[in-house]
Structure formats: C-alpha cells, structure tokens
Amino acid sequence: MFADRIIKFGKKFEGRLDSDLLQGALDYITYNEESLAFEILCDHVCEYDISITDEEYNEAVRLIQDIGFDLNEGPFKHLLGLKK
C-alpha cells in the first residue's frame, strides 16, 4: 500500500546515506513489511544525522500519519532536528 511512496522517499537519500543501509531498509518492503522498512529508514537518517529538506520532512510526516505511526515516538520525533 505504501511501498512506492517509501521507495521514492528512500531514493532521495541516495548518495547521502550508505547504500547498504538504504537498501537494507528498503528490502523489508519485499517481505510486506512496509512500516518496518520506513521506520528503519527513518532510524538510519536520524542515527547518521542526515540532513533533510523541508520537502523530505513534509513527505516523512505524511507517511508517518498515513501509516499510523506517532510523530512523537521512535525515530520520527528526531526528524525535525535534521531539517536544513
């Protein structure tokens, strides 16, 4: 349901996030674990202090809400601090 959006979002980090980490997160989509893929991707972005644009932040927030995650929990609460 969210696979295409998560993949598109993840591809925005090519060249900024280690390709093995990025692909490892996105691989969960293959196993119908879209939510886990997105959560791991956000965790990597936060853990490695990858700066994100306003557009990327807004897309992440939309995905968080659409998937049903809480913006105030997990790696999601740290995304705001990474905005350029």
N, C-alpha and C. Protein backbone atom coordinates (compact mmCIF):
# COMPACT_ATOMS: atom_id res chain seq x y z
N MET A 1 0.80 -1.19 0.00
CA MET A 1 0.00 0.00 0.00
C MET A 1 0.85 1.26 0.00
N PHE A 2 1.93 1.26 0.79
CA PHE A 2 2.81 2.42 0.87
C PHE A 2 4.16 2.18 0.20
N ALA A 3 4.35 1.02 -0.37
CA ALA A 3 5.66 0.62 -0.89
C ALA A 3 6.25 1.64 -1.85
N ASP A 4 5.49 2.07 -2.83
CA ASP A 4 6.02 3.01 -3.82
C ASP A 4 6.44 4.33 -3.19
N ARG A 5 5.63 4.81 -2.26
CA ARG A 5 5.95 6.07 -1.59
C ARG A 5 7.21 5.94 -0.74
N ILE A 6 7.37 4.82 -0.07
CA ILE A 6 8.55 4.61 0.77
C ILE A 6 9.80 4.48 -0.09
N ILE A 7 9.70 3.75 -1.18
CA ILE A 7 10.84 3.61 -2.09
C ILE A 7 11.23 4.96 -2.67
N LYS A 8 10.25 5.72 -3.12
CA LYS A 8 10.52 7.05 -3.67
C LYS A 8 11.17 7.95 -2.61
N PHE A 9 10.65 7.89 -1.39
CA PHE A 9 11.23 8.65 -0.29
C PHE A 9 12.66 8.20 -0.03
N GLY A 10 12.89 6.91 0.02
CA GLY A 10 14.22 6.38 0.29
C GLY A 10 15.24 6.76 -0.76
N LYS A 11 14.83 6.78 -2.01
CA LYS A 11 15.75 7.11 -3.10
C LYS A 11 16.28 8.54 -3.00
N LYS A 12 15.56 9.39 -2.28
CA LYS A 12 16.03 10.76 -2.08
C LYS A 12 17.31 10.81 -1.25
N PHE A 13 17.61 9.72 -0.56
CA PHE A 13 18.79 9.69 0.30
C PHE A 13 19.98 9.00 -0.35
N GLU A 14 19.83 8.60 -1.60
CA GLU A 14 20.96 8.00 -2.32
C GLU A 14 22.09 9.02 -2.38
N GLY A 15 23.28 8.60 -2.02
CA GLY A 15 24.44 9.48 -2.01
C GLY A 15 24.63 10.20 -0.68
N ARG A 16 23.63 10.16 0.18
CA ARG A 16 23.75 10.80 1.50
C ARG A 16 23.75 9.76 2.62
N LEU A 17 23.11 8.63 2.36
CA LEU A 17 23.04 7.54 3.32
C LEU A 17 23.74 6.34 2.70
N ASP A 18 24.53 5.64 3.47
CA ASP A 18 25.24 4.46 2.98
C ASP A 18 24.28 3.58 2.18
N SER A 19 24.70 3.20 0.98
CA SER A 19 23.82 2.45 0.09
C SER A 19 23.39 1.10 0.67
N ASP A 20 24.25 0.44 1.44
CA ASP A 20 23.88 -0.83 2.07
C ASP A 20 22.80 -0.63 3.12
N LEU A 21 22.91 0.44 3.89
CA LEU A 21 21.89 0.74 4.90
C LEU A 21 20.56 1.07 4.24
N LEU A 22 20.62 1.88 3.18
CA LEU A 22 19.42 2.26 2.46
C LEU A 22 18.74 1.04 1.86
N GLN A 23 19.50 0.24 1.16
CA GLN A 23 18.92 -0.95 0.52
C GLN A 23 18.44 -1.95 1.56
N GLY A 24 19.17 -2.08 2.65
CA GLY A 24 18.75 -2.99 3.71
C GLY A 24 17.40 -2.61 4.28
N ALA A 25 17.17 -1.33 4.47
CA ALA A 25 15.88 -0.86 4.97
C ALA A 25 14.78 -1.12 3.94
N LEU A 26 15.05 -0.77 2.70
CA LEU A 26 14.04 -0.91 1.65
C LEU A 26 13.74 -2.37 1.32
N ASP A 27 14.68 -3.26 1.60
CA ASP A 27 14.46 -4.69 1.34
C ASP A 27 13.28 -5.25 2.14
N TYR A 28 12.96 -4.65 3.27
CA TYR A 28 11.83 -5.13 4.07
C TYR A 28 10.51 -5.01 3.31
N ILE A 29 10.45 -4.13 2.34
CA ILE A 29 9.24 -3.98 1.53
C ILE A 29 8.95 -5.27 0.78
N THR A 30 9.99 -5.96 0.34
CA THR A 30 9.85 -7.22 -0.37
C THR A 30 9.11 -8.26 0.46
N TYR A 31 9.24 -8.15 1.77
CA TYR A 31 8.61 -9.11 2.68
C TYR A 31 7.32 -8.56 3.29
N ASN A 32 6.72 -7.58 2.59
CA ASN A 32 5.46 -6.96 3.04
C ASN A 32 5.58 -6.31 4.41
N GLU A 33 6.74 -5.78 4.69
CA GLU A 33 7.00 -5.09 5.96
C GLU A 33 7.25 -3.62 5.66
N GLU A 34 6.28 -2.98 5.01
CA GLU A 34 6.44 -1.59 4.61
C GLU A 34 6.67 -0.67 5.79
N SER A 35 5.88 -0.84 6.84
CA SER A 35 6.01 0.01 8.03
C SER A 35 7.39 -0.13 8.64
N LEU A 36 7.87 -1.36 8.74
CA LEU A 36 9.20 -1.60 9.30
C LEU A 36 10.27 -0.98 8.42
N ALA A 37 10.12 -1.10 7.11
CA ALA A 37 11.08 -0.50 6.18
C ALA A 37 11.18 1.00 6.39
N PHE A 38 10.04 1.65 6.52
CA PHE A 38 10.03 3.09 6.71
C PHE A 38 10.62 3.48 8.06
N GLU A 39 10.28 2.73 9.10
CA GLU A 39 10.80 3.03 10.43
C GLU A 39 12.32 2.87 10.46
N ILE A 40 12.83 1.81 9.85
CA ILE A 40 14.28 1.59 9.81
C ILE A 40 14.96 2.69 9.00
N LEU A 41 14.35 3.06 7.89
CA LEU A 41 14.91 4.14 7.06
C LEU A 41 15.01 5.43 7.87
N CYS A 42 13.94 5.78 8.56
CA CYS A 42 13.95 7.00 9.39
C CYS A 42 14.98 6.88 10.51
N ASP A 43 15.11 5.70 11.08
CA ASP A 43 16.09 5.47 12.13
C ASP A 43 17.50 5.70 11.61
N HIS A 44 17.80 5.20 10.42
CA HIS A 44 19.13 5.41 9.82
C HIS A 44 19.37 6.89 9.55
N VAL A 45 18.38 7.57 9.03
CA VAL A 45 18.52 9.00 8.73
C VAL A 45 18.85 9.76 10.02
N CYS A 46 18.16 9.42 11.09
CA CYS A 46 18.41 10.09 12.37
C CYS A 46 19.74 9.68 12.97
N GLU A 47 20.01 8.39 12.96
CA GLU A 47 21.23 7.87 13.59
C GLU A 47 22.49 8.44 12.95
N TYR A 48 22.44 8.64 11.64
CA TYR A 48 23.62 9.13 10.92
C TYR A 48 23.55 10.62 10.62
N ASP A 49 22.62 11.32 11.29
CA ASP A 49 22.49 12.78 11.17
C ASP A 49 22.45 13.26 9.73
N ILE A 50 21.62 12.61 8.92
CA ILE A 50 21.46 13.00 7.53
C ILE A 50 20.51 14.20 7.48
N SER A 51 20.98 15.31 6.97
CA SER A 51 20.13 16.50 6.85
C SER A 51 19.01 16.22 5.85
N ILE A 52 17.83 16.75 6.15
CA ILE A 52 16.69 16.58 5.25
C ILE A 52 16.13 17.94 4.89
N THR A 53 15.57 18.02 3.71
CA THR A 53 14.95 19.26 3.24
C THR A 53 13.55 19.38 3.83
N ASP A 54 12.97 20.56 3.68
CA ASP A 54 11.59 20.75 4.12
C ASP A 54 10.66 19.79 3.39
N GLU A 55 10.90 19.62 2.09
CA GLU A 55 10.08 18.72 1.28
C GLU A 55 10.17 17.28 1.80
N GLU A 56 11.39 16.84 2.10
CA GLU A 56 11.59 15.48 2.62
C GLU A 56 10.92 15.33 3.99
N TYR A 57 11.05 16.34 4.82
CA TYR A 57 10.41 16.30 6.13
C TYR A 57 8.89 16.20 5.99
N ASN A 58 8.33 17.03 5.11
CA ASN A 58 6.88 17.02 4.92
C ASN A 58 6.39 15.68 4.39
N GLU A 59 7.14 15.07 3.49
CA GLU A 59 6.77 13.75 2.97
C GLU A 59 6.86 12.71 4.08
N ALA A 60 7.90 12.80 4.90
CA ALA A 60 8.03 11.87 6.02
C ALA A 60 6.84 12.00 6.97
N VAL A 61 6.44 13.21 7.26
CA VAL A 61 5.30 13.43 8.16
C VAL A 61 4.03 12.84 7.57
N ARG A 62 3.83 13.05 6.27
CA ARG A 62 2.64 12.48 5.62
C ARG A 62 2.65 10.95 5.71
N LEU A 63 3.81 10.35 5.46
CA LEU A 63 3.92 8.90 5.56
C LEU A 63 3.68 8.43 6.99
N ILE A 64 4.25 9.13 7.95
CA ILE A 64 4.07 8.77 9.36
C ILE A 64 2.59 8.74 9.70
N GLN A 65 1.90 9.79 9.30
CA GLN A 65 0.47 9.89 9.60
C GLN A 65 -0.34 8.85 8.84
N ASP A 66 -0.04 8.66 7.57
CA ASP A 66 -0.80 7.71 6.75
C ASP A 66 -0.60 6.27 7.21
N ILE A 67 0.62 5.95 7.62
CA ILE A 67 0.90 4.59 8.09
C ILE A 67 0.27 4.37 9.47
N GLY A 68 0.14 5.43 10.23
CA GLY A 68 -0.46 5.31 11.55
C GLY A 68 0.55 5.35 12.69
N PHE A 69 1.76 5.81 12.40
CA PHE A 69 2.76 5.97 13.43
C PHE A 69 2.49 7.26 14.21
N ASP A 70 3.13 7.38 15.35
CA ASP A 70 3.04 8.58 16.17
C ASP A 70 4.28 9.42 15.92
N LEU A 71 4.08 10.66 15.51
CA LEU A 71 5.19 11.57 15.21
C LEU A 71 6.05 11.85 16.45
N ASN A 72 5.53 11.62 17.62
CA ASN A 72 6.25 11.91 18.86
C ASN A 72 6.98 10.69 19.43
N GLU A 73 7.04 9.61 18.68
CA GLU A 73 7.70 8.39 19.17
C GLU A 73 8.75 7.91 18.17
N GLY A 74 9.59 7.01 18.67
CA GLY A 74 10.58 6.37 17.81
C GLY A 74 11.50 7.37 17.13
N PRO A 75 12.03 6.99 15.99
CA PRO A 75 12.95 7.89 15.30
C PRO A 75 12.24 9.10 14.72
N PHE A 76 10.94 9.04 14.60
CA PHE A 76 10.20 10.10 13.94
C PHE A 76 10.29 11.43 14.68
N LYS A 77 10.35 11.36 16.02
CA LYS A 77 10.40 12.60 16.80
C LYS A 77 11.72 13.35 16.59
N HIS A 78 12.71 12.71 16.03
CA HIS A 78 14.01 13.34 15.83
C HIS A 78 14.17 13.96 14.43
N LEU A 79 13.24 13.70 13.55
CA LEU A 79 13.37 14.18 12.17
C LEU A 79 13.38 15.70 12.08
N LEU A 80 12.61 16.38 12.92
CA LEU A 80 12.53 17.83 12.86
C LEU A 80 13.89 18.46 13.07
N GLY A 81 14.69 17.87 13.95
CA GLY A 81 16.02 18.41 14.23
C GLY A 81 17.00 18.24 13.09
N LEU A 82 16.64 17.48 12.07
CA LEU A 82 17.55 17.23 10.96
C LEU A 82 17.29 18.14 9.76
N LYS A 83 16.22 18.95 9.84
CA LYS A 83 15.89 19.83 8.72
C LYS A 83 16.98 20.84 8.49
N LYS A 84 17.28 21.10 7.22
CA LYS A 84 18.29 22.09 6.84
C LYS A 84 17.76 23.47 7.11
